[in-house]
mmCIF file of all heavy atoms, coordinates in Angstrom:
data_MODEL
# 
_entry.id   MODEL 
# 
loop_
_atom_site.group_PDB 
_atom_site.id 
_atom_site.type_symbol 
_atom_site.label_atom_id 
_atom_site.label_alt_id 
_atom_site.label_comp_id 
_atom_site.label_asym_id 
_atom_site.label_entity_id 
_atom_site.label_seq_id 
_atom_site.pdbx_PDB_ins_code 
_atom_site.Cartn_x 
_atom_site.Cartn_y 
_atom_site.Cartn_z 
_atom_site.occupancy 
_atom_site.B_iso_or_equiv 
_atom_site.pdbx_formal_charge 
_atom_site.auth_seq_id 
_atom_site.auth_comp_id 
_atom_site.auth_asym_id 
_atom_site.auth_atom_id 
_atom_site.pdbx_PDB_model_num 
ATOM 1   N N   . LEU A 1 1  ? -4.456  9.877   2.859  1.00 0.00 ? 1  LEU A N   1 
ATOM 2   C CA  . LEU A 1 1  ? -4.268  11.161  2.191  1.00 0.00 ? 1  LEU A CA  1 
ATOM 3   C C   . LEU A 1 1  ? -3.736  12.207  3.169  1.00 0.00 ? 1  LEU A C   1 
ATOM 4   O O   . LEU A 1 1  ? -2.907  13.044  2.803  1.00 0.00 ? 1  LEU A O   1 
ATOM 5   C CB  . LEU A 1 1  ? -5.580  11.629  1.567  1.00 0.00 ? 1  LEU A CB  1 
ATOM 6   C CG  . LEU A 1 1  ? -6.074  10.814  0.358  1.00 0.00 ? 1  LEU A CG  1 
ATOM 7   C CD1 . LEU A 1 1  ? -7.458  11.279  -0.073 1.00 0.00 ? 1  LEU A CD1 1 
ATOM 8   C CD2 . LEU A 1 1  ? -5.094  10.914  -0.804 1.00 0.00 ? 1  LEU A CD2 1 
ATOM 9   N N   . ALA A 1 2  ? -4.210  12.162  4.404  1.00 0.00 ? 2  ALA A N   1 
ATOM 10  C CA  . ALA A 1 2  ? -3.706  13.087  5.418  1.00 0.00 ? 2  ALA A CA  1 
ATOM 11  C C   . ALA A 1 2  ? -2.221  12.857  5.673  1.00 0.00 ? 2  ALA A C   1 
ATOM 12  O O   . ALA A 1 2  ? -1.463  13.804  5.900  1.00 0.00 ? 2  ALA A O   1 
ATOM 13  C CB  . ALA A 1 2  ? -4.495  12.931  6.715  1.00 0.00 ? 2  ALA A CB  1 
ATOM 14  N N   . ALA A 1 3  ? -1.799  11.592  5.628  1.00 0.00 ? 3  ALA A N   1 
ATOM 15  C CA  . ALA A 1 3  ? -0.401  11.242  5.888  1.00 0.00 ? 3  ALA A CA  1 
ATOM 16  C C   . ALA A 1 3  ? 0.477   11.373  4.656  1.00 0.00 ? 3  ALA A C   1 
ATOM 17  O O   . ALA A 1 3  ? 1.680   11.104  4.715  1.00 0.00 ? 3  ALA A O   1 
ATOM 18  C CB  . ALA A 1 3  ? -0.323  9.818   6.435  1.00 0.00 ? 3  ALA A CB  1 
ATOM 19  N N   . GLY A 1 4  ? -0.112  11.745  3.521  1.00 0.00 ? 4  GLY A N   1 
ATOM 20  C CA  . GLY A 1 4  ? 0.670   11.970  2.315  1.00 0.00 ? 4  GLY A CA  1 
ATOM 21  C C   . GLY A 1 4  ? 0.935   10.742  1.474  1.00 0.00 ? 4  GLY A C   1 
ATOM 22  O O   . GLY A 1 4  ? 1.896   10.714  0.705  1.00 0.00 ? 4  GLY A O   1 
ATOM 23  N N   . VAL A 1 5  ? 0.090   9.714   1.595  1.00 0.00 ? 5  VAL A N   1 
ATOM 24  C CA  . VAL A 1 5  ? 0.234   8.515   0.777  1.00 0.00 ? 5  VAL A CA  1 
ATOM 25  C C   . VAL A 1 5  ? -1.095  8.202   0.087  1.00 0.00 ? 5  VAL A C   1 
ATOM 26  O O   . VAL A 1 5  ? -2.159  8.644   0.522  1.00 0.00 ? 5  VAL A O   1 
ATOM 27  C CB  . VAL A 1 5  ? 0.698   7.291   1.597  1.00 0.00 ? 5  VAL A CB  1 
ATOM 28  C CG1 . VAL A 1 5  ? 2.101   7.496   2.115  1.00 0.00 ? 5  VAL A CG1 1 
ATOM 29  C CG2 . VAL A 1 5  ? -0.261  7.009   2.756  1.00 0.00 ? 5  VAL A CG2 1 
ATOM 30  N N   . TYR A 1 6  ? -1.003  7.415   -0.988 1.00 0.00 ? 6  TYR A N   1 
ATOM 31  C CA  . TYR A 1 6  ? -2.183  7.002   -1.730 1.00 0.00 ? 6  TYR A CA  1 
ATOM 32  C C   . TYR A 1 6  ? -2.395  5.503   -1.532 1.00 0.00 ? 6  TYR A C   1 
ATOM 33  O O   . TYR A 1 6  ? -1.433  4.752   -1.390 1.00 0.00 ? 6  TYR A O   1 
ATOM 34  C CB  . TYR A 1 6  ? -2.024  7.283   -3.229 1.00 0.00 ? 6  TYR A CB  1 
ATOM 35  C CG  . TYR A 1 6  ? -2.034  8.741   -3.584 1.00 0.00 ? 6  TYR A CG  1 
ATOM 36  C CD1 . TYR A 1 6  ? -0.847  9.469   -3.643 1.00 0.00 ? 6  TYR A CD1 1 
ATOM 37  C CD2 . TYR A 1 6  ? -3.223  9.406   -3.868 1.00 0.00 ? 6  TYR A CD2 1 
ATOM 38  C CE1 . TYR A 1 6  ? -0.849  10.813  -3.969 1.00 0.00 ? 6  TYR A CE1 1 
ATOM 39  C CE2 . TYR A 1 6  ? -3.235  10.744  -4.206 1.00 0.00 ? 6  TYR A CE2 1 
ATOM 40  C CZ  . TYR A 1 6  ? -2.045  11.439  -4.252 1.00 0.00 ? 6  TYR A CZ  1 
ATOM 41  O OH  . TYR A 1 6  ? -2.049  12.780  -4.567 1.00 0.00 ? 6  TYR A OH  1 
ATOM 42  N N   . ASP A 1 7  ? -3.658  5.093   -1.554 1.00 0.00 ? 7  ASP A N   1 
ATOM 43  C CA  . ASP A 1 7  ? -3.966  3.666   -1.547 1.00 0.00 ? 7  ASP A CA  1 
ATOM 44  C C   . ASP A 1 7  ? -4.895  3.365   -2.717 1.00 0.00 ? 7  ASP A C   1 
ATOM 45  O O   . ASP A 1 7  ? -6.115  3.463   -2.607 1.00 0.00 ? 7  ASP A O   1 
ATOM 46  C CB  . ASP A 1 7  ? -4.614  3.238   -0.235 1.00 0.00 ? 7  ASP A CB  1 
ATOM 47  C CG  . ASP A 1 7  ? -4.782  1.723   -0.143 1.00 0.00 ? 7  ASP A CG  1 
ATOM 48  O OD1 . ASP A 1 7  ? -4.497  1.033   -1.150 1.00 0.00 ? 7  ASP A OD1 1 
ATOM 49  O OD2 . ASP A 1 7  ? -5.204  1.215   0.906  1.00 0.00 ? 7  ASP A OD2 1 
ATOM 50  N N   . LEU A 1 8  ? -4.302  2.993   -3.847 1.00 0.00 ? 8  LEU A N   1 
ATOM 51  C CA  . LEU A 1 8  ? -5.078  2.652   -5.032 1.00 0.00 ? 8  LEU A CA  1 
ATOM 52  C C   . LEU A 1 8  ? -5.564  1.210   -5.001 1.00 0.00 ? 8  LEU A C   1 
ATOM 53  O O   . LEU A 1 8  ? -6.244  0.774   -5.925 1.00 0.00 ? 8  LEU A O   1 
ATOM 54  C CB  . LEU A 1 8  ? -4.244  2.883   -6.295 1.00 0.00 ? 8  LEU A CB  1 
ATOM 55  C CG  . LEU A 1 8  ? -3.806  4.324   -6.561 1.00 0.00 ? 8  LEU A CG  1 
ATOM 56  C CD1 . LEU A 1 8  ? -3.019  4.403   -7.861 1.00 0.00 ? 8  LEU A CD1 1 
ATOM 57  C CD2 . LEU A 1 8  ? -5.004  5.257   -6.609 1.00 0.00 ? 8  LEU A CD2 1 
ATOM 58  N N   . SER A 1 9  ? -5.225  0.480   -3.934 1.00 0.00 ? 9  SER A N   1 
ATOM 59  C CA  . SER A 1 9  ? -5.713  -0.896  -3.797 1.00 0.00 ? 9  SER A CA  1 
ATOM 60  C C   . SER A 1 9  ? -6.978  -0.966  -2.956 1.00 0.00 ? 9  SER A C   1 
ATOM 61  O O   . SER A 1 9  ? -7.459  -2.053  -2.661 1.00 0.00 ? 9  SER A O   1 
ATOM 62  C CB  . SER A 1 9  ? -4.634  -1.778  -3.159 1.00 0.00 ? 9  SER A CB  1 
ATOM 63  O OG  . SER A 1 9  ? -4.390  -1.394  -1.812 1.00 0.00 ? 9  SER A OG  1 
ATOM 64  N N   . VAL A 1 10 ? -7.509  0.202   -2.588 1.00 0.00 ? 10 VAL A N   1 
ATOM 65  C CA  . VAL A 1 10 ? -8.659  0.210   -1.683 1.00 0.00 ? 10 VAL A CA  1 
ATOM 66  C C   . VAL A 1 10 ? -9.862  -0.505  -2.303 1.00 0.00 ? 10 VAL A C   1 
ATOM 67  O O   . VAL A 1 10 ? -10.602 -1.215  -1.612 1.00 0.00 ? 10 VAL A O   1 
ATOM 68  C CB  . VAL A 1 10 ? -9.003  1.661   -1.276 1.00 0.00 ? 10 VAL A CB  1 
ATOM 69  C CG1 . VAL A 1 10 ? -9.509  2.467   -2.463 1.00 0.00 ? 10 VAL A CG1 1 
ATOM 70  C CG2 . VAL A 1 10 ? -10.002 1.697   -0.150 1.00 0.00 ? 10 VAL A CG2 1 
ATOM 71  N N   . GLY A 1 11 ? -10.060 -0.353  -3.619 1.00 0.00 ? 11 GLY A N   1 
ATOM 72  C CA  . GLY A 1 11 ? -11.158 -1.053  -4.288 1.00 0.00 ? 11 GLY A CA  1 
ATOM 73  C C   . GLY A 1 11 ? -10.923 -2.552  -4.327 1.00 0.00 ? 11 GLY A C   1 
ATOM 74  O O   . GLY A 1 11 ? -11.844 -3.350  -4.116 1.00 0.00 ? 11 GLY A O   1 
ATOM 75  N N   . GLY A 1 12 ? -9.674  -2.959  -4.585 1.00 0.00 ? 12 GLY A N   1 
ATOM 76  C CA  . GLY A 1 12 ? -9.353  -4.372  -4.583 1.00 0.00 ? 12 GLY A CA  1 
ATOM 77  C C   . GLY A 1 12 ? -9.514  -4.998  -3.215 1.00 0.00 ? 12 GLY A C   1 
ATOM 78  O O   . GLY A 1 12 ? -9.949  -6.156  -3.086 1.00 0.00 ? 12 GLY A O   1 
ATOM 79  N N   . THR A 1 13 ? -9.169  -4.255  -2.162 1.00 0.00 ? 13 THR A N   1 
ATOM 80  C CA  . THR A 1 13 ? -9.348  -4.750  -0.800 1.00 0.00 ? 13 THR A CA  1 
ATOM 81  C C   . THR A 1 13 ? -10.820 -4.969  -0.494 1.00 0.00 ? 13 THR A C   1 
ATOM 82  O O   . THR A 1 13 ? -11.215 -5.987  0.094  1.00 0.00 ? 13 THR A O   1 
ATOM 83  C CB  . THR A 1 13 ? -8.743  -3.766  0.211  1.00 0.00 ? 13 THR A CB  1 
ATOM 84  O OG1 . THR A 1 13 ? -7.377  -3.540  -0.106 1.00 0.00 ? 13 THR A OG1 1 
ATOM 85  C CG2 . THR A 1 13 ? -8.853  -4.310  1.622  1.00 0.00 ? 13 THR A CG2 1 
ATOM 86  N N   . MET A 1 14 ? -11.639 -4.012  -0.886 1.00 0.00 ? 14 MET A N   1 
ATOM 87  C CA  . MET A 1 14 ? -13.082 -4.167  -0.711 1.00 0.00 ? 14 MET A CA  1 
ATOM 88  C C   . MET A 1 14 ? -13.580 -5.401  -1.446 1.00 0.00 ? 14 MET A C   1 
ATOM 89  O O   . MET A 1 14 ? -14.351 -6.221  -0.914 1.00 0.00 ? 14 MET A O   1 
ATOM 90  C CB  . MET A 1 14 ? -13.813 -2.928  -1.209 1.00 0.00 ? 14 MET A CB  1 
ATOM 91  C CG  . MET A 1 14 ? -15.331 -3.067  -1.180 1.00 0.00 ? 14 MET A CG  1 
ATOM 92  S SD  . MET A 1 14 ? -16.172 -1.737  -2.073 1.00 0.00 ? 14 MET A SD  1 
ATOM 93  C CE  . MET A 1 14 ? -17.858 -2.370  -2.083 1.00 0.00 ? 14 MET A CE  1 
ATOM 94  N N   . GLY A 1 15 ? -13.157 -5.553  -2.715 1.00 0.00 ? 15 GLY A N   1 
ATOM 95  C CA  . GLY A 1 15 ? -13.594 -6.694  -3.510 1.00 0.00 ? 15 GLY A CA  1 
ATOM 96  C C   . GLY A 1 15 ? -13.123 -8.017  -2.933 1.00 0.00 ? 15 GLY A C   1 
ATOM 97  O O   . GLY A 1 15 ? -13.850 -9.017  -2.958 1.00 0.00 ? 15 GLY A O   1 
ATOM 98  N N   . MET A 1 16 ? -11.898 -8.043  -2.381 1.00 0.00 ? 16 MET A N   1 
ATOM 99  C CA  . MET A 1 16 ? -11.374 -9.274  -1.807 1.00 0.00 ? 16 MET A CA  1 
ATOM 100 C C   . MET A 1 16 ? -12.166 -9.705  -0.578 1.00 0.00 ? 16 MET A C   1 
ATOM 101 O O   . MET A 1 16 ? -12.529 -10.882 -0.434 1.00 0.00 ? 16 MET A O   1 
ATOM 102 C CB  . MET A 1 16 ? -9.893  -9.087  -1.454 1.00 0.00 ? 16 MET A CB  1 
ATOM 103 C CG  . MET A 1 16 ? -9.278  -10.268 -0.702 1.00 0.00 ? 16 MET A CG  1 
ATOM 104 S SD  . MET A 1 16 ? -9.386  -11.824 -1.627 1.00 0.00 ? 16 MET A SD  1 
ATOM 105 C CE  . MET A 1 16 ? -8.062  -11.594 -2.812 1.00 0.00 ? 16 MET A CE  1 
ATOM 106 N N   . THR A 1 17 ? -12.434 -8.776  0.342  1.00 0.00 ? 17 THR A N   1 
ATOM 107 C CA  . THR A 1 17 ? -13.182 -9.151  1.537  1.00 0.00 ? 17 THR A CA  1 
ATOM 108 C C   . THR A 1 17 ? -14.623 -9.528  1.193  1.00 0.00 ? 17 THR A C   1 
ATOM 109 O O   . THR A 1 17 ? -15.193 -10.435 1.796  1.00 0.00 ? 17 THR A O   1 
ATOM 110 C CB  . THR A 1 17 ? -13.187 -8.011  2.571  1.00 0.00 ? 17 THR A CB  1 
ATOM 111 O OG1 . THR A 1 17 ? -13.687 -6.811  1.965  1.00 0.00 ? 17 THR A OG1 1 
ATOM 112 C CG2 . THR A 1 17 ? -11.795 -7.752  3.094  1.00 0.00 ? 17 THR A CG2 1 
ATOM 113 N N   . MET A 1 18 ? -15.178 -8.845  0.208  1.00 0.00 ? 18 MET A N   1 
ATOM 114 C CA  . MET A 1 18 ? -16.523 -9.180  -0.260 1.00 0.00 ? 18 MET A CA  1 
ATOM 115 C C   . MET A 1 18 ? -16.562 -10.605 -0.794 1.00 0.00 ? 18 MET A C   1 
ATOM 116 O O   . MET A 1 18 ? -17.468 -11.388 -0.477 1.00 0.00 ? 18 MET A O   1 
ATOM 117 C CB  . MET A 1 18 ? -16.947 -8.190  -1.343 1.00 0.00 ? 18 MET A CB  1 
ATOM 118 C CG  . MET A 1 18 ? -18.304 -8.441  -1.938 1.00 0.00 ? 18 MET A CG  1 
ATOM 119 S SD  . MET A 1 18 ? -18.623 -7.287  -3.294 1.00 0.00 ? 18 MET A SD  1 
ATOM 120 C CE  . MET A 1 18 ? -20.291 -7.757  -3.734 1.00 0.00 ? 18 MET A CE  1 
ATOM 121 N N   . MET A 1 19 ? -15.549 -10.956 -1.593 1.00 0.00 ? 19 MET A N   1 
ATOM 122 C CA  . MET A 1 19 ? -15.501 -12.290 -2.168 1.00 0.00 ? 19 MET A CA  1 
ATOM 123 C C   . MET A 1 19 ? -15.191 -13.343 -1.108 1.00 0.00 ? 19 MET A C   1 
ATOM 124 O O   . MET A 1 19 ? -15.795 -14.424 -1.076 1.00 0.00 ? 19 MET A O   1 
ATOM 125 C CB  . MET A 1 19 ? -14.453 -12.340 -3.277 1.00 0.00 ? 19 MET A CB  1 
ATOM 126 C CG  . MET A 1 19 ? -14.389 -13.656 -4.048 1.00 0.00 ? 19 MET A CG  1 
ATOM 127 S SD  . MET A 1 19 ? -15.966 -14.091 -4.849 1.00 0.00 ? 19 MET A SD  1 
ATOM 128 C CE  . MET A 1 19 ? -16.076 -12.780 -6.072 1.00 0.00 ? 19 MET A CE  1 
ATOM 129 N N   . LEU A 1 20 ? -14.247 -13.042 -0.215 1.00 0.00 ? 20 LEU A N   1 
ATOM 130 C CA  . LEU A 1 20 ? -13.854 -14.004 0.813  1.00 0.00 ? 20 LEU A CA  1 
ATOM 131 C C   . LEU A 1 20 ? -15.001 -14.354 1.746  1.00 0.00 ? 20 LEU A C   1 
ATOM 132 O O   . LEU A 1 20 ? -15.221 -15.531 2.065  1.00 0.00 ? 20 LEU A O   1 
ATOM 133 C CB  . LEU A 1 20 ? -12.683 -13.445 1.628  1.00 0.00 ? 20 LEU A CB  1 
ATOM 134 C CG  . LEU A 1 20 ? -11.272 -13.721 1.145  1.00 0.00 ? 20 LEU A CG  1 
ATOM 135 C CD1 . LEU A 1 20 ? -10.263 -13.081 2.085  1.00 0.00 ? 20 LEU A CD1 1 
ATOM 136 C CD2 . LEU A 1 20 ? -11.023 -15.226 1.046  1.00 0.00 ? 20 LEU A CD2 1 
ATOM 137 N N   . VAL A 1 21 ? -15.737 -13.332 2.202  1.00 0.00 ? 21 VAL A N   1 
ATOM 138 C CA  . VAL A 1 21 ? -16.784 -13.595 3.173  1.00 0.00 ? 21 VAL A CA  1 
ATOM 139 C C   . VAL A 1 21 ? -17.903 -14.435 2.565  1.00 0.00 ? 21 VAL A C   1 
ATOM 140 O O   . VAL A 1 21 ? -18.532 -15.256 3.249  1.00 0.00 ? 21 VAL A O   1 
ATOM 141 C CB  . VAL A 1 21 ? -17.333 -12.263 3.753  1.00 0.00 ? 21 VAL A CB  1 
ATOM 142 C CG1 . VAL A 1 21 ? -18.268 -11.554 2.772  1.00 0.00 ? 21 VAL A CG1 1 
ATOM 143 C CG2 . VAL A 1 21 ? -18.030 -12.508 5.086  1.00 0.00 ? 21 VAL A CG2 1 
ATOM 144 N N   . ALA A 1 22 ? -18.135 -14.288 1.267  1.00 0.00 ? 22 ALA A N   1 
ATOM 145 C CA  . ALA A 1 22 ? -19.132 -15.116 0.584  1.00 0.00 ? 22 ALA A CA  1 
ATOM 146 C C   . ALA A 1 22 ? -18.572 -16.504 0.281  1.00 0.00 ? 22 ALA A C   1 
ATOM 147 O O   . ALA A 1 22 ? -19.255 -17.522 0.471  1.00 0.00 ? 22 ALA A O   1 
ATOM 148 C CB  . ALA A 1 22 ? -19.583 -14.429 -0.709 1.00 0.00 ? 22 ALA A CB  1 
ATOM 149 N N   . TRP A 1 23 ? -17.325 -16.574 -0.181 1.00 0.00 ? 23 TRP A N   1 
ATOM 150 C CA  . TRP A 1 23 ? -16.689 -17.839 -0.562 1.00 0.00 ? 23 TRP A CA  1 
ATOM 151 C C   . TRP A 1 23 ? -16.512 -18.765 0.636  1.00 0.00 ? 23 TRP A C   1 
ATOM 152 O O   . TRP A 1 23 ? -16.737 -19.968 0.541  1.00 0.00 ? 23 TRP A O   1 
ATOM 153 C CB  . TRP A 1 23 ? -15.349 -17.522 -1.209 1.00 0.00 ? 23 TRP A CB  1 
ATOM 154 C CG  . TRP A 1 23 ? -14.536 -18.705 -1.617 1.00 0.00 ? 23 TRP A CG  1 
ATOM 155 C CD1 . TRP A 1 23 ? -14.806 -19.582 -2.625 1.00 0.00 ? 23 TRP A CD1 1 
ATOM 156 C CD2 . TRP A 1 23 ? -13.292 -19.120 -1.051 1.00 0.00 ? 23 TRP A CD2 1 
ATOM 157 N NE1 . TRP A 1 23 ? -13.808 -20.521 -2.724 1.00 0.00 ? 23 TRP A NE1 1 
ATOM 158 C CE2 . TRP A 1 23 ? -12.860 -20.263 -1.764 1.00 0.00 ? 23 TRP A CE2 1 
ATOM 159 C CE3 . TRP A 1 23 ? -12.499 -18.637 -0.024 1.00 0.00 ? 23 TRP A CE3 1 
ATOM 160 C CZ2 . TRP A 1 23 ? -11.679 -20.930 -1.463 1.00 0.00 ? 23 TRP A CZ2 1 
ATOM 161 C CZ3 . TRP A 1 23 ? -11.313 -19.292 0.275  1.00 0.00 ? 23 TRP A CZ3 1 
ATOM 162 C CH2 . TRP A 1 23 ? -10.911 -20.428 -0.439 1.00 0.00 ? 23 TRP A CH2 1 
ATOM 163 N N   . LEU A 1 24 ? -16.129 -18.218 1.759  1.00 0.00 ? 24 LEU A N   1 
ATOM 164 C CA  . LEU A 1 24 ? -15.936 -19.037 2.959  1.00 0.00 ? 24 LEU A CA  1 
ATOM 165 C C   . LEU A 1 24 ? -17.242 -19.662 3.429  1.00 0.00 ? 24 LEU A C   1 
ATOM 166 O O   . LEU A 1 24 ? -17.267 -20.785 3.946  1.00 0.00 ? 24 LEU A O   1 
ATOM 167 C CB  . LEU A 1 24 ? -15.322 -18.198 4.079  1.00 0.00 ? 24 LEU A CB  1 
ATOM 168 C CG  . LEU A 1 24 ? -13.857 -17.786 3.876  1.00 0.00 ? 24 LEU A CG  1 
ATOM 169 C CD1 . LEU A 1 24 ? -13.428 -16.773 4.938  1.00 0.00 ? 24 LEU A CD1 1 
ATOM 170 C CD2 . LEU A 1 24 ? -12.943 -19.013 3.911  1.00 0.00 ? 24 LEU A CD2 1 
ATOM 171 N N   . GLN A 1 25 ? -18.330 -18.940 3.262  1.00 0.00 ? 25 GLN A N   1 
ATOM 172 C CA  . GLN A 1 25 ? -19.632 -19.484 3.641  1.00 0.00 ? 25 GLN A CA  1 
ATOM 173 C C   . GLN A 1 25 ? -20.157 -20.473 2.606  1.00 0.00 ? 25 GLN A C   1 
ATOM 174 O O   . GLN A 1 25 ? -20.688 -21.529 2.948  1.00 0.00 ? 25 GLN A O   1 
ATOM 175 C CB  . GLN A 1 25 ? -20.652 -18.351 3.806  1.00 0.00 ? 25 GLN A CB  1 
ATOM 176 C CG  . GLN A 1 25 ? -20.355 -17.406 4.951  1.00 0.00 ? 25 GLN A CG  1 
ATOM 177 C CD  . GLN A 1 25 ? -21.338 -16.261 5.016  1.00 0.00 ? 25 GLN A CD  1 
ATOM 178 O OE1 . GLN A 1 25 ? -22.480 -16.414 5.464  1.00 0.00 ? 25 GLN A OE1 1 
ATOM 179 N NE2 . GLN A 1 25 ? -20.904 -15.089 4.563  1.00 0.00 ? 25 GLN A NE2 1 
ATOM 180 N N   . SER A 1 26 ? -20.000 -20.116 1.330  1.00 0.00 ? 26 SER A N   1 
ATOM 181 C CA  . SER A 1 26 ? -20.586 -20.918 0.254  1.00 0.00 ? 26 SER A CA  1 
ATOM 182 C C   . SER A 1 26 ? -19.792 -22.189 -0.025 1.00 0.00 ? 26 SER A C   1 
ATOM 183 O O   . SER A 1 26 ? -20.364 -23.283 -0.101 1.00 0.00 ? 26 SER A O   1 
ATOM 184 C CB  . SER A 1 26 ? -20.683 -20.072 -1.012 1.00 0.00 ? 26 SER A CB  1 
ATOM 185 O OG  . SER A 1 26 ? -21.165 -20.819 -2.098 1.00 0.00 ? 26 SER A OG  1 
ATOM 186 N N   . SER A 1 27 ? -18.491 -22.076 -0.170 1.00 0.00 ? 27 SER A N   1 
ATOM 187 C CA  . SER A 1 27 ? -17.665 -23.211 -0.577 1.00 0.00 ? 27 SER A CA  1 
ATOM 188 C C   . SER A 1 27 ? -17.113 -24.016 0.592  1.00 0.00 ? 27 SER A C   1 
ATOM 189 O O   . SER A 1 27 ? -16.836 -25.206 0.461  1.00 0.00 ? 27 SER A O   1 
ATOM 190 C CB  . SER A 1 27 ? -16.499 -22.732 -1.448 1.00 0.00 ? 27 SER A CB  1 
ATOM 191 O OG  . SER A 1 27 ? -16.980 -22.104 -2.619 1.00 0.00 ? 27 SER A OG  1 
ATOM 192 N N   . HIS A 1 28 ? -16.941 -23.382 1.742  1.00 0.00 ? 28 HIS A N   1 
ATOM 193 C CA  . HIS A 1 28 ? -16.347 -24.059 2.892  1.00 0.00 ? 28 HIS A CA  1 
ATOM 194 C C   . HIS A 1 28 ? -17.305 -24.189 4.067  1.00 0.00 ? 28 HIS A C   1 
ATOM 195 O O   . HIS A 1 28 ? -16.922 -24.702 5.119  1.00 0.00 ? 28 HIS A O   1 
ATOM 196 C CB  . HIS A 1 28 ? -15.078 -23.324 3.324  1.00 0.00 ? 28 HIS A CB  1 
ATOM 197 C CG  . HIS A 1 28 ? -13.995 -23.368 2.298  1.00 0.00 ? 28 HIS A CG  1 
ATOM 198 N ND1 . HIS A 1 28 ? -13.068 -24.386 2.214  1.00 0.00 ? 28 HIS A ND1 1 
ATOM 199 C CD2 . HIS A 1 28 ? -13.706 -22.536 1.264  1.00 0.00 ? 28 HIS A CD2 1 
ATOM 200 C CE1 . HIS A 1 28 ? -12.241 -24.165 1.206  1.00 0.00 ? 28 HIS A CE1 1 
ATOM 201 N NE2 . HIS A 1 28 ? -12.617 -23.044 0.613  1.00 0.00 ? 28 HIS A NE2 1 
ATOM 202 N N   . HIS A 1 29 ? -18.531 -23.703 3.893  1.00 0.00 ? 29 HIS A N   1 
ATOM 203 C CA  . HIS A 1 29 ? -19.600 -23.855 4.885  1.00 0.00 ? 29 HIS A CA  1 
ATOM 204 C C   . HIS A 1 29 ? -19.173 -23.359 6.261  1.00 0.00 ? 29 HIS A C   1 
ATOM 205 O O   . HIS A 1 29 ? -19.526 -23.952 7.290  1.00 0.00 ? 29 HIS A O   1 
ATOM 206 C CB  . HIS A 1 29 ? -20.056 -25.322 4.955  1.00 0.00 ? 29 HIS A CB  1 
ATOM 207 C CG  . HIS A 1 29 ? -20.349 -25.920 3.619  1.00 0.00 ? 29 HIS A CG  1 
ATOM 208 N ND1 . HIS A 1 29 ? -21.436 -25.513 2.857  1.00 0.00 ? 29 HIS A ND1 1 
ATOM 209 C CD2 . HIS A 1 29 ? -19.703 -26.860 2.882  1.00 0.00 ? 29 HIS A CD2 1 
ATOM 210 C CE1 . HIS A 1 29 ? -21.445 -26.190 1.719  1.00 0.00 ? 29 HIS A CE1 1 
ATOM 211 N NE2 . HIS A 1 29 ? -20.405 -27.012 1.705  1.00 0.00 ? 29 HIS A NE2 1 
ATOM 212 N N   . LEU A 1 30 ? -18.419 -22.298 6.277  1.00 0.00 ? 30 LEU A N   1 
ATOM 213 C CA  . LEU A 1 30 ? -17.972 -21.701 7.522  1.00 0.00 ? 30 LEU A CA  1 
ATOM 214 C C   . LEU A 1 30 ? -19.067 -20.794 8.067  1.00 0.00 ? 30 LEU A C   1 
ATOM 215 O O   . LEU A 1 30 ? -19.797 -20.147 7.312  1.00 0.00 ? 30 LEU A O   1 
ATOM 216 C CB  . LEU A 1 30 ? -16.701 -20.885 7.264  1.00 0.00 ? 30 LEU A CB  1 
ATOM 217 C CG  . LEU A 1 30 ? -15.792 -20.582 8.452  1.00 0.00 ? 30 LEU A CG  1 
ATOM 218 C CD1 . LEU A 1 30 ? -15.214 -21.867 9.020  1.00 0.00 ? 30 LEU A CD1 1 
ATOM 219 C CD2 . LEU A 1 30 ? -14.662 -19.648 8.019  1.00 0.00 ? 30 LEU A CD2 1 
ATOM 220 N N   . GLY A 1 31 ? -19.214 -20.745 9.375  1.00 0.00 ? 31 GLY A N   1 
ATOM 221 C CA  . GLY A 1 31 ? -20.184 -19.848 9.982  1.00 0.00 ? 31 GLY A CA  1 
ATOM 222 C C   . GLY A 1 31 ? -19.890 -18.406 9.618  1.00 0.00 ? 31 GLY A C   1 
ATOM 223 O O   . GLY A 1 31 ? -18.722 -18.014 9.457  1.00 0.00 ? 31 GLY A O   1 
ATOM 224 N N   . PHE A 1 32 ? -20.940 -17.613 9.513  1.00 0.00 ? 32 PHE A N   1 
ATOM 225 C CA  . PHE A 1 32 ? -20.747 -16.252 8.997  1.00 0.00 ? 32 PHE A CA  1 
ATOM 226 C C   . PHE A 1 32 ? -19.883 -15.401 9.916  1.00 0.00 ? 32 PHE A C   1 
ATOM 227 O O   . PHE A 1 32 ? -19.160 -14.513 9.449  1.00 0.00 ? 32 PHE A O   1 
ATOM 228 C CB  . PHE A 1 32 ? -22.104 -15.585 8.720  1.00 0.00 ? 32 PHE A CB  1 
ATOM 229 C CG  . PHE A 1 32 ? -22.822 -15.090 9.941  1.00 0.00 ? 32 PHE A CG  1 
ATOM 230 C CD1 . PHE A 1 32 ? -22.693 -13.778 10.358 1.00 0.00 ? 32 PHE A CD1 1 
ATOM 231 C CD2 . PHE A 1 32 ? -23.657 -15.928 10.663 1.00 0.00 ? 32 PHE A CD2 1 
ATOM 232 C CE1 . PHE A 1 32 ? -23.371 -13.308 11.461 1.00 0.00 ? 32 PHE A CE1 1 
ATOM 233 C CE2 . PHE A 1 32 ? -24.339 -15.476 11.780 1.00 0.00 ? 32 PHE A CE2 1 
ATOM 234 C CZ  . PHE A 1 32 ? -24.196 -14.157 12.180 1.00 0.00 ? 32 PHE A CZ  1 
ATOM 235 N N   . VAL A 1 33 ? -19.917 -15.656 11.228 1.00 0.00 ? 33 VAL A N   1 
ATOM 236 C CA  . VAL A 1 33 ? -19.076 -14.878 12.145 1.00 0.00 ? 33 VAL A CA  1 
ATOM 237 C C   . VAL A 1 33 ? -17.602 -15.143 11.860 1.00 0.00 ? 33 VAL A C   1 
ATOM 238 O O   . VAL A 1 33 ? -16.789 -14.213 11.774 1.00 0.00 ? 33 VAL A O   1 
ATOM 239 C CB  . VAL A 1 33 ? -19.417 -15.207 13.608 1.00 0.00 ? 33 VAL A CB  1 
ATOM 240 C CG1 . VAL A 1 33 ? -18.435 -14.497 14.543 1.00 0.00 ? 33 VAL A CG1 1 
ATOM 241 C CG2 . VAL A 1 33 ? -20.842 -14.787 13.929 1.00 0.00 ? 33 VAL A CG2 1 
# 
């Protein structure tokens, strides 16, 4: 906003990382780090 642009994907980005970090652990048994 300071730079004069909008990011309407910010909620989707949050949702994607939330889903990825759980999916990688649950479905692929990857270490949480």
